[in-house]
């Protein structure tokens, strides 16, 4: 069992072994759930709902290839924004 101390601000450091095992880095969001007499901590993974509002309706007459290109660019831009804002 890994342990960590609670700081005055209520913060804990997840042990390095667990951060590496679950691919958790700076800015990773985590969720806390009460479970019995303990607390379950789990990473919050992105879902399709996180992408809502990323894309605008395509212009009439665009080819499928152009729509795919725009989707890829929009998703890449959002990922870069999210990473640069820690989330």
N, C-alpha and C. Protein backbone atom coordinates (compact mmCIF):
# COMPACT_ATOMS: atom_id res chain seq x y z
N UNK A 1 0.85 -1.18 0.00
CA UNK A 1 0.00 0.00 0.00
C UNK A 1 0.89 1.23 0.00
N UNK A 2 0.58 2.16 -0.88
CA UNK A 2 1.31 3.42 -0.97
C UNK A 2 0.63 4.45 -0.07
N UNK A 3 1.41 5.34 0.53
CA UNK A 3 0.83 6.38 1.39
C UNK A 3 1.39 7.74 0.99
N UNK A 4 0.68 8.78 1.43
CA UNK A 4 1.08 10.16 1.19
C UNK A 4 0.48 11.00 2.31
N UNK A 5 1.08 12.13 2.61
CA UNK A 5 0.56 13.01 3.66
C UNK A 5 -0.35 14.08 3.06
N UNK A 6 -1.37 14.43 3.81
CA UNK A 6 -2.28 15.51 3.45
C UNK A 6 -1.63 16.83 3.86
N UNK A 7 -1.58 17.81 2.94
CA UNK A 7 -1.00 19.12 3.27
C UNK A 7 -2.04 19.97 3.99
N UNK A 8 -1.61 21.12 4.47
CA UNK A 8 -2.50 22.07 5.14
C UNK A 8 -3.63 22.48 4.20
N UNK A 9 -3.36 22.53 2.89
CA UNK A 9 -4.37 22.91 1.91
C UNK A 9 -5.25 21.72 1.49
N UNK A 10 -5.03 20.55 2.07
CA UNK A 10 -5.84 19.38 1.71
C UNK A 10 -5.35 18.66 0.47
N UNK A 11 -4.11 18.90 0.08
CA UNK A 11 -3.56 18.28 -1.12
C UNK A 11 -2.76 17.04 -0.77
N UNK A 12 -2.73 16.10 -1.71
CA UNK A 12 -1.88 14.91 -1.57
C UNK A 12 -1.10 14.73 -2.87
N UNK A 13 0.01 14.05 -2.75
CA UNK A 13 0.80 13.70 -3.92
C UNK A 13 0.57 12.22 -4.21
N UNK A 14 0.15 11.92 -5.42
CA UNK A 14 0.00 10.52 -5.80
C UNK A 14 1.40 9.94 -6.01
N UNK A 15 1.66 8.76 -5.48
CA UNK A 15 2.98 8.17 -5.64
C UNK A 15 3.35 8.02 -7.12
N UNK A 16 4.63 8.22 -7.42
CA UNK A 16 5.14 8.19 -8.79
C UNK A 16 4.75 6.90 -9.51
N UNK A 17 4.87 5.77 -8.82
CA UNK A 17 4.54 4.47 -9.42
C UNK A 17 3.10 4.45 -9.94
N UNK A 18 2.17 5.02 -9.17
CA UNK A 18 0.76 5.04 -9.59
C UNK A 18 0.54 6.05 -10.72
N UNK A 19 1.21 7.21 -10.66
CA UNK A 19 1.08 8.19 -11.75
C UNK A 19 1.55 7.58 -13.06
N UNK A 20 2.67 6.88 -13.02
CA UNK A 20 3.20 6.26 -14.23
C UNK A 20 2.29 5.12 -14.71
N UNK A 21 1.84 4.29 -13.80
CA UNK A 21 1.00 3.14 -14.16
C UNK A 21 -0.28 3.57 -14.86
N UNK A 22 -0.88 4.69 -14.40
CA UNK A 22 -2.15 5.13 -14.95
C UNK A 22 -2.01 6.30 -15.93
N UNK A 23 -0.78 6.66 -16.27
CA UNK A 23 -0.55 7.71 -17.25
C UNK A 23 -1.03 9.08 -16.82
N UNK A 24 -0.81 9.41 -15.54
CA UNK A 24 -1.27 10.68 -15.00
C UNK A 24 -0.13 11.68 -14.98
N UNK A 25 -0.37 12.83 -15.59
CA UNK A 25 0.65 13.87 -15.62
C UNK A 25 0.08 15.17 -15.10
N UNK A 26 0.89 16.22 -15.10
CA UNK A 26 0.42 17.52 -14.63
C UNK A 26 -0.85 17.94 -15.38
N UNK A 27 -1.81 18.44 -14.66
CA UNK A 27 -3.05 18.89 -15.27
C UNK A 27 -4.11 17.82 -15.45
N UNK A 28 -3.77 16.55 -15.17
CA UNK A 28 -4.76 15.49 -15.29
C UNK A 28 -5.86 15.70 -14.26
N UNK A 29 -7.09 15.64 -14.72
CA UNK A 29 -8.22 15.79 -13.79
C UNK A 29 -8.49 14.45 -13.14
N UNK A 30 -8.82 14.48 -11.85
CA UNK A 30 -9.18 13.27 -11.12
C UNK A 30 -10.52 13.46 -10.43
N UNK A 31 -11.22 12.35 -10.24
CA UNK A 31 -12.51 12.37 -9.55
C UNK A 31 -12.36 11.63 -8.23
N UNK A 32 -13.14 12.05 -7.24
CA UNK A 32 -13.12 11.43 -5.92
C UNK A 32 -14.52 10.89 -5.62
N UNK A 33 -14.58 9.63 -5.17
CA UNK A 33 -15.85 9.02 -4.79
C UNK A 33 -15.71 8.39 -3.41
N UNK A 34 -16.73 8.59 -2.57
CA UNK A 34 -16.76 7.90 -1.28
C UNK A 34 -17.12 6.45 -1.56
N UNK A 35 -16.35 5.55 -0.98
CA UNK A 35 -16.58 4.12 -1.20
C UNK A 35 -16.37 3.40 0.12
N UNK A 36 -17.48 2.99 0.74
CA UNK A 36 -17.38 2.35 2.04
C UNK A 36 -16.77 3.32 3.04
N UNK A 37 -15.68 2.90 3.68
CA UNK A 37 -15.02 3.79 4.63
C UNK A 37 -13.78 4.43 4.03
N UNK A 38 -13.72 4.47 2.69
CA UNK A 38 -12.55 5.04 2.03
C UNK A 38 -12.93 6.01 0.92
N UNK A 39 -11.93 6.44 0.20
CA UNK A 39 -12.10 7.37 -0.91
C UNK A 39 -11.45 6.75 -2.14
N UNK A 40 -12.20 6.67 -3.23
CA UNK A 40 -11.68 6.16 -4.49
C UNK A 40 -11.28 7.36 -5.35
N UNK A 41 -10.06 7.34 -5.87
CA UNK A 41 -9.55 8.40 -6.75
C UNK A 41 -9.36 7.77 -8.11
N UNK A 42 -9.91 8.43 -9.15
CA UNK A 42 -9.75 7.87 -10.50
C UNK A 42 -9.54 9.00 -11.49
N UNK A 43 -8.80 8.75 -12.57
CA UNK A 43 -8.62 9.78 -13.58
C UNK A 43 -9.92 10.02 -14.34
N UNK A 44 -10.13 11.26 -14.72
CA UNK A 44 -11.28 11.62 -15.55
C UNK A 44 -10.81 11.59 -16.99
N UNK A 45 -11.33 10.67 -17.76
CA UNK A 45 -10.95 10.54 -19.17
C UNK A 45 -11.92 11.34 -20.02
N UNK A 46 -11.43 11.85 -21.11
CA UNK A 46 -12.28 12.62 -22.02
C UNK A 46 -13.33 11.72 -22.65
N UNK A 47 -14.51 12.29 -22.85
CA UNK A 47 -15.58 11.60 -23.55
C UNK A 47 -15.96 12.43 -24.77
N UNK A 48 -16.82 11.90 -25.59
CA UNK A 48 -17.27 12.61 -26.77
C UNK A 48 -17.92 13.94 -26.40
N UNK A 49 -18.53 14.01 -25.20
CA UNK A 49 -19.19 15.25 -24.79
C UNK A 49 -18.20 16.39 -24.57
N UNK A 50 -16.94 16.06 -24.29
CA UNK A 50 -15.92 17.09 -24.13
C UNK A 50 -15.64 17.83 -25.43
N UNK A 51 -16.02 17.24 -26.55
CA UNK A 51 -15.76 17.84 -27.86
C UNK A 51 -16.95 18.67 -28.34
N UNK A 52 -18.05 18.69 -27.57
CA UNK A 52 -19.24 19.43 -27.99
C UNK A 52 -18.90 20.89 -28.26
N UNK A 53 -19.38 21.41 -29.34
CA UNK A 53 -19.15 22.80 -29.71
C UNK A 53 -17.82 23.06 -30.39
N UNK A 54 -17.01 22.02 -30.58
CA UNK A 54 -15.71 22.19 -31.21
C UNK A 54 -15.85 22.49 -32.70
N UNK A 55 -16.81 21.83 -33.33
CA UNK A 55 -16.96 21.94 -34.78
C UNK A 55 -18.15 22.81 -35.14
N UNK A 56 -18.00 23.55 -36.20
CA UNK A 56 -19.11 24.32 -36.74
C UNK A 56 -19.75 23.49 -37.87
N UNK A 57 -20.99 23.78 -38.18
CA UNK A 57 -21.65 23.09 -39.27
C UNK A 57 -20.88 23.33 -40.56
N UNK A 58 -20.67 22.27 -41.35
CA UNK A 58 -19.90 22.46 -42.59
C UNK A 58 -20.68 23.29 -43.60
N UNK A 59 -19.93 23.95 -44.43
CA UNK A 59 -20.54 24.72 -45.51
C UNK A 59 -21.14 23.75 -46.52
N UNK A 60 -22.26 24.10 -47.12
CA UNK A 60 -22.84 23.21 -48.14
C UNK A 60 -21.85 23.00 -49.28
N UNK A 61 -21.81 21.79 -49.79
CA UNK A 61 -20.98 21.49 -50.95
C UNK A 61 -19.56 21.06 -50.63
N UNK A 62 -19.18 20.97 -49.35
CA UNK A 62 -17.82 20.52 -49.02
C UNK A 62 -17.70 19.02 -49.29
N UNK A 63 -16.54 18.62 -49.76
CA UNK A 63 -16.30 17.20 -49.99
C UNK A 63 -16.08 16.49 -48.65
N UNK A 64 -16.25 15.18 -48.64
CA UNK A 64 -16.00 14.40 -47.43
C UNK A 64 -14.56 14.58 -46.96
N UNK A 65 -13.63 14.62 -47.92
CA UNK A 65 -12.22 14.78 -47.55
C UNK A 65 -11.98 16.13 -46.87
N UNK A 66 -12.62 17.18 -47.37
CA UNK A 66 -12.45 18.51 -46.76
C UNK A 66 -13.07 18.54 -45.36
N UNK A 67 -14.22 17.91 -45.19
CA UNK A 67 -14.85 17.85 -43.87
C UNK A 67 -13.94 17.10 -42.90
N UNK A 68 -13.38 15.95 -43.33
CA UNK A 68 -12.46 15.19 -42.47
C UNK A 68 -11.24 16.03 -42.09
N UNK A 69 -10.70 16.75 -43.07
CA UNK A 69 -9.53 17.60 -42.81
C UNK A 69 -9.86 18.66 -41.77
N UNK A 70 -11.03 19.27 -41.90
CA UNK A 70 -11.42 20.31 -40.95
C UNK A 70 -11.68 19.72 -39.55
N UNK A 71 -12.27 18.54 -39.51
CA UNK A 71 -12.49 17.88 -38.22
C UNK A 71 -11.16 17.59 -37.54
N UNK A 72 -10.21 17.01 -38.28
CA UNK A 72 -8.89 16.70 -37.72
C UNK A 72 -8.22 17.97 -37.19
N UNK A 73 -8.30 19.05 -37.95
CA UNK A 73 -7.67 20.30 -37.52
C UNK A 73 -8.35 20.87 -36.29
N UNK A 74 -9.66 20.81 -36.25
CA UNK A 74 -10.40 21.34 -35.09
C UNK A 74 -10.08 20.54 -33.83
N UNK A 75 -10.02 19.23 -33.95
CA UNK A 75 -9.71 18.38 -32.80
C UNK A 75 -8.27 18.65 -32.34
N UNK A 76 -7.35 18.73 -33.28
CA UNK A 76 -5.95 19.01 -32.92
C UNK A 76 -5.83 20.36 -32.21
N UNK A 77 -6.53 21.37 -32.71
CA UNK A 77 -6.50 22.69 -32.07
C UNK A 77 -7.04 22.61 -30.65
N UNK A 78 -8.12 21.87 -30.43
CA UNK A 78 -8.72 21.76 -29.09
C UNK A 78 -7.77 21.03 -28.15
N UNK A 79 -7.13 19.97 -28.62
CA UNK A 79 -6.18 19.24 -27.77
C UNK A 79 -5.04 20.17 -27.35
N UNK A 80 -4.52 20.93 -28.27
CA UNK A 80 -3.43 21.86 -27.95
C UNK A 80 -3.90 22.89 -26.92
N UNK A 81 -5.10 23.45 -27.12
CA UNK A 81 -5.64 24.43 -26.16
C UNK A 81 -5.79 23.80 -24.78
N UNK A 82 -6.38 22.58 -24.74
CA UNK A 82 -6.59 21.90 -23.46
C UNK A 82 -5.27 21.64 -22.75
N UNK A 83 -4.27 21.18 -23.49
CA UNK A 83 -2.96 20.89 -22.90
C UNK A 83 -2.29 22.16 -22.40
N UNK A 84 -2.45 23.25 -23.12
CA UNK A 84 -1.79 24.49 -22.70
C UNK A 84 -2.49 25.15 -21.53
N UNK A 85 -3.74 24.71 -21.25
CA UNK A 85 -4.48 25.25 -20.10
C UNK A 85 -4.58 24.25 -18.97
N UNK A 86 -3.78 23.18 -19.03
CA UNK A 86 -3.74 22.21 -17.93
C UNK A 86 -4.95 21.32 -17.82
N UNK A 87 -5.62 21.02 -18.90
CA UNK A 87 -6.77 20.18 -18.72
C UNK A 87 -7.10 19.33 -19.80
